């Protein structure tokens, strides 16, 4: 009984989302400030009614609607600003150790060059 009722209500959540998305132009589909309200409404509706009907959330039906929204509306969206991750540990270690190892060499070079300069004067 609960599952059938939740199925009907989630369809209404979806229909409302589709109705809200009618106001969004194709060029705005990837702009979070434009789509955040309809997207949040869909997610909120699915979560609210699951909680209200004592149905677990997240659940397969809710996830299906979220995936459907991405497939139908947001599949062409890519990140404008790429997300940067830390480099692997071995690369990070090399980037830290290389300058540290250069310091004694550079200090030695400076001292050697300054002694050489005094000898010529």
C-alpha atoms as a PDB file:
ATOM      1  CA  UNK A   1       0.000   0.000   0.000  1.00  0.00           C
ATOM      2  CA  UNK A   2       2.749   2.458   0.985  1.00  0.00           C
ATOM      3  CA  UNK A   3       4.874   1.607  -2.053  1.00  0.00           C
ATOM      4  CA  UNK A   4       1.964   2.113  -4.454  1.00  0.00           C
ATOM      5  CA  UNK A   5       1.060   5.405  -2.841  1.00  0.00           C
ATOM      6  CA  UNK A   6       4.695   6.540  -2.910  1.00  0.00           C
ATOM      7  CA  UNK A   7       4.925   5.557  -6.589  1.00  0.00           C
ATOM      8  CA  UNK A   8       1.912   7.762  -7.399  1.00  0.00           C
ATOM      9  CA  UNK A   9       3.224  10.694  -5.378  1.00  0.00           C
ATOM     10  CA  UNK A  10       6.724  10.495  -6.877  1.00  0.00           C
ATOM     11  CA  UNK A  11       5.157  10.699 -10.324  1.00  0.00           C
ATOM     12  CA  UNK A  12       3.479  13.918  -9.206  1.00  0.00           C
ATOM     13  CA  UNK A  13       6.852  15.189  -7.908  1.00  0.00           C
ATOM     14  CA  UNK A  14       8.324  14.401 -11.329  1.00  0.00           C
ATOM     15  CA  UNK A  15       5.463  16.083 -13.192  1.00  0.00           C
ATOM     16  CA  UNK A  16       5.930  19.219 -11.073  1.00  0.00           C
ATOM     17  CA  UNK A  17       9.686  19.176 -11.797  1.00  0.00           C
ATOM     18  CA  UNK A  18       9.055  18.840 -15.555  1.00  0.00           C
ATOM     19  CA  UNK A  19       6.605  21.740 -15.340  1.00  0.00           C
ATOM     20  CA  UNK A  20       9.207  23.913 -13.564  1.00  0.00           C
ATOM     21  CA  UNK A  21      11.839  22.945 -16.144  1.00  0.00           C
ATOM     22  CA  UNK A  22       9.616  24.221 -18.976  1.00  0.00           C
ATOM     23  CA  UNK A  23      10.611  27.741 -17.910  1.00  0.00           C
ATOM     24  CA  UNK A  24      14.320  26.969 -18.288  1.00  0.00           C
ATOM     25  CA  UNK A  25      15.866  27.696 -21.682  1.00  0.00           C
ATOM     26  CA  UNK A  26      18.375  25.310 -23.259  1.00  0.00           C
ATOM     27  CA  UNK A  27      21.239  27.738 -22.652  1.00  0.00           C
ATOM     28  CA  UNK A  28      20.349  27.903 -18.931  1.00  0.00           C
ATOM     29  CA  UNK A  29      20.221  24.135 -18.343  1.00  0.00           C
ATOM     30  CA  UNK A  30      23.716  24.022 -16.888  1.00  0.00           C
ATOM     31  CA  UNK A  31      23.444  27.152 -14.748  1.00  0.00           C
ATOM     32  CA  UNK A  32      23.042  26.061 -11.133  1.00  0.00           C
ATOM     33  CA  UNK A  33      21.442  29.357 -10.051  1.00  0.00           C
ATOM     34  CA  UNK A  34      18.634  28.690 -12.569  1.00  0.00           C
ATOM     35  CA  UNK A  35      18.126  24.951 -12.093  1.00  0.00           C
ATOM     36  CA  UNK A  36      18.800  24.700  -8.358  1.00  0.00           C
ATOM     37  CA  UNK A  37      15.207  25.504  -7.417  1.00  0.00           C
ATOM     38  CA  UNK A  38      13.505  22.906  -9.658  1.00  0.00           C
ATOM     39  CA  UNK A  39      16.163  20.316  -8.802  1.00  0.00           C
ATOM     40  CA  UNK A  40      15.856  20.984  -5.068  1.00  0.00           C
ATOM     41  CA  UNK A  41      12.059  20.873  -5.347  1.00  0.00           C
ATOM     42  CA  UNK A  42      12.247  17.431  -6.954  1.00  0.00           C
ATOM     43  CA  UNK A  43      14.676  16.098  -4.384  1.00  0.00           C
ATOM     44  CA  UNK A  44      12.749  17.695  -1.508  1.00  0.00           C
ATOM     45  CA  UNK A  45       9.436  16.314  -2.721  1.00  0.00           C
ATOM     46  CA  UNK A  46      10.815  12.775  -3.072  1.00  0.00           C
ATOM     47  CA  UNK A  47      12.418  12.939   0.369  1.00  0.00           C
ATOM     48  CA  UNK A  48       9.440  14.584   2.095  1.00  0.00           C
ATOM     49  CA  UNK A  49       6.921  12.014   0.898  1.00  0.00           C
ATOM     50  CA  UNK A  50       9.217   9.089   1.639  1.00  0.00           C
ATOM     51  CA  UNK A  51       9.545  10.360   5.212  1.00  0.00           C
ATOM     52  CA  UNK A  52       5.829  11.104   5.447  1.00  0.00           C
ATOM     53  CA  UNK A  53       4.900   7.564   4.331  1.00  0.00           C
ATOM     54  CA  UNK A  54       7.607   5.909   6.458  1.00  0.00           C
ATOM     55  CA  UNK A  55       9.377   4.791   3.313  1.00  0.00           C
ATOM     56  CA  UNK A  56      13.162   4.610   3.292  1.00  0.00           C
ATOM     57  CA  UNK A  57      15.093   7.415   1.638  1.00  0.00           C
ATOM     58  CA  UNK A  58      17.119   7.348  -0.512  1.00  0.00           C
ATOM     59  CA  UNK A  59      15.339   4.559  -2.342  1.00  0.00           C
ATOM     60  CA  UNK A  60      15.417   3.024  -5.807  1.00  0.00           C
ATOM     61  CA  UNK A  61      12.391   4.952  -7.078  1.00  0.00           C
ATOM     62  CA  UNK A  62      13.695   8.329  -5.902  1.00  0.00           C
ATOM     63  CA  UNK A  63      17.124   7.587  -7.382  1.00  0.00           C
ATOM     64  CA  UNK A  64      15.461   6.632 -10.656  1.00  0.00           C
ATOM     65  CA  UNK A  65      13.819  10.070 -10.872  1.00  0.00           C
ATOM     66  CA  UNK A  66      17.069  11.855  -9.986  1.00  0.00           C
ATOM     67  CA  UNK A  67      18.945   9.869 -12.662  1.00  0.00           C
ATOM     68  CA  UNK A  68      16.121  10.542 -15.106  1.00  0.00           C
ATOM     69  CA  UNK A  69      16.429  14.291 -14.454  1.00  0.00           C
ATOM     70  CA  UNK A  70      20.160  14.161 -15.180  1.00  0.00           C
ATOM     71  CA  UNK A  71      19.671  12.066 -18.294  1.00  0.00           C
ATOM     72  CA  UNK A  72      16.889  14.233 -19.676  1.00  0.00           C
ATOM     73  CA  UNK A  73      18.084  17.725 -18.762  1.00  0.00           C
ATOM     74  CA  UNK A  74      21.683  17.837 -17.581  1.00  0.00           C
ATOM     75  CA  UNK A  75      23.541  15.222 -19.655  1.00  0.00           C
ATOM     76  CA  UNK A  76      25.426  17.878 -21.664  1.00  0.00           C
ATOM     77  CA  UNK A  77      26.648  19.803 -18.615  1.00  0.00           C
ATOM     78  CA  UNK A  78      30.334  19.734 -17.832  1.00  0.00           C
ATOM     79  CA  UNK A  79      32.276  21.505 -15.138  1.00  0.00           C
ATOM     80  CA  UNK A  80      33.414  24.926 -16.318  1.00  0.00           C
ATOM     81  CA  UNK A  81      36.026  25.024 -13.606  1.00  0.00           C
ATOM     82  CA  UNK A  82      37.754  21.659 -13.294  1.00  0.00           C
ATOM     83  CA  UNK A  83      38.050  20.202  -9.834  1.00  0.00           C
ATOM     84  CA  UNK A  84      41.661  19.830  -8.790  1.00  0.00           C
ATOM     85  CA  UNK A  85      42.851  16.903  -6.730  1.00  0.00           C
ATOM     86  CA  UNK A  86      46.030  16.408  -4.740  1.00  0.00           C
ATOM     87  CA  UNK A  87      48.772  14.689  -6.740  1.00  0.00           C
ATOM     88  CA  UNK A  88      49.700  11.113  -5.857  1.00  0.00           C
ATOM     89  CA  UNK A  89      51.847  10.764  -2.741  1.00  0.00           C
ATOM     90  CA  UNK A  90      55.062   9.898  -4.596  1.00  0.00           C
ATOM     91  CA  UNK A  91      54.746  12.989  -6.826  1.00  0.00           C
ATOM     92  CA  UNK A  92      53.949  15.177  -3.825  1.00  0.00           C
ATOM     93  CA  UNK A  93      56.983  13.804  -1.976  1.00  0.00           C
ATOM     94  CA  UNK A  94      59.239  14.531  -4.965  1.00  0.00           C
ATOM     95  CA  UNK A  95      57.888  18.083  -5.190  1.00  0.00           C
ATOM     96  CA  UNK A  96      58.706  18.654  -1.519  1.00  0.00           C
ATOM     97  CA  UNK A  97      62.110  16.954  -1.411  1.00  0.00           C
ATOM     98  CA  UNK A  98      63.549  18.412  -4.652  1.00  0.00           C
ATOM     99  CA  UNK A  99      63.697  22.048  -3.418  1.00  0.00           C
ATOM    100  CA  UNK A 100      64.990  20.932  -0.004  1.00  0.00           C
ATOM    101  CA  UNK A 101      67.853  19.041  -1.666  1.00  0.00           C
ATOM    102  CA  UNK A 102      68.678  22.056  -3.851  1.00  0.00           C
ATOM    103  CA  UNK A 103      69.195  24.397  -0.889  1.00  0.00           C
ATOM    104  CA  UNK A 104      72.575  22.976   0.312  1.00  0.00           C
ATOM    105  CA  UNK A 105      73.820  22.906  -3.308  1.00  0.00           C
ATOM    106  CA  UNK A 106      72.845  26.540  -3.874  1.00  0.00           C
ATOM    107  CA  UNK A 107      74.347  27.654  -0.552  1.00  0.00           C
ATOM    108  CA  UNK A 108      77.607  25.865  -1.462  1.00  0.00           C
ATOM    109  CA  UNK A 109      77.596  27.481  -4.897  1.00  0.00           C
ATOM    110  CA  UNK A 110      77.079  30.973  -3.442  1.00  0.00           C
ATOM    111  CA  UNK A 111      79.881  30.502  -0.885  1.00  0.00           C
ATOM    112  CA  UNK A 112      82.239  29.079  -3.513  1.00  0.00           C
ATOM    113  CA  UNK A 113      81.490  31.932  -5.955  1.00  0.00           C
ATOM    114  CA  UNK A 114      81.934  34.588  -3.242  1.00  0.00           C
ATOM    115  CA  UNK A 115      85.337  33.120  -2.232  1.00  0.00           C
ATOM    116  CA  UNK A 116      86.338  33.015  -5.904  1.00  0.00           C
ATOM    117  CA  UNK A 117      85.394  36.691  -6.257  1.00  0.00           C
ATOM    118  CA  UNK A 118      87.561  37.711  -3.270  1.00  0.00           C
ATOM    119  CA  UNK A 119      90.595  35.897  -4.694  1.00  0.00           C
ATOM    120  CA  UNK A 120      90.368  37.876  -7.953  1.00  0.00           C
ATOM    121  CA  UNK A 121      90.121  41.253  -6.195  1.00  0.00           C
END
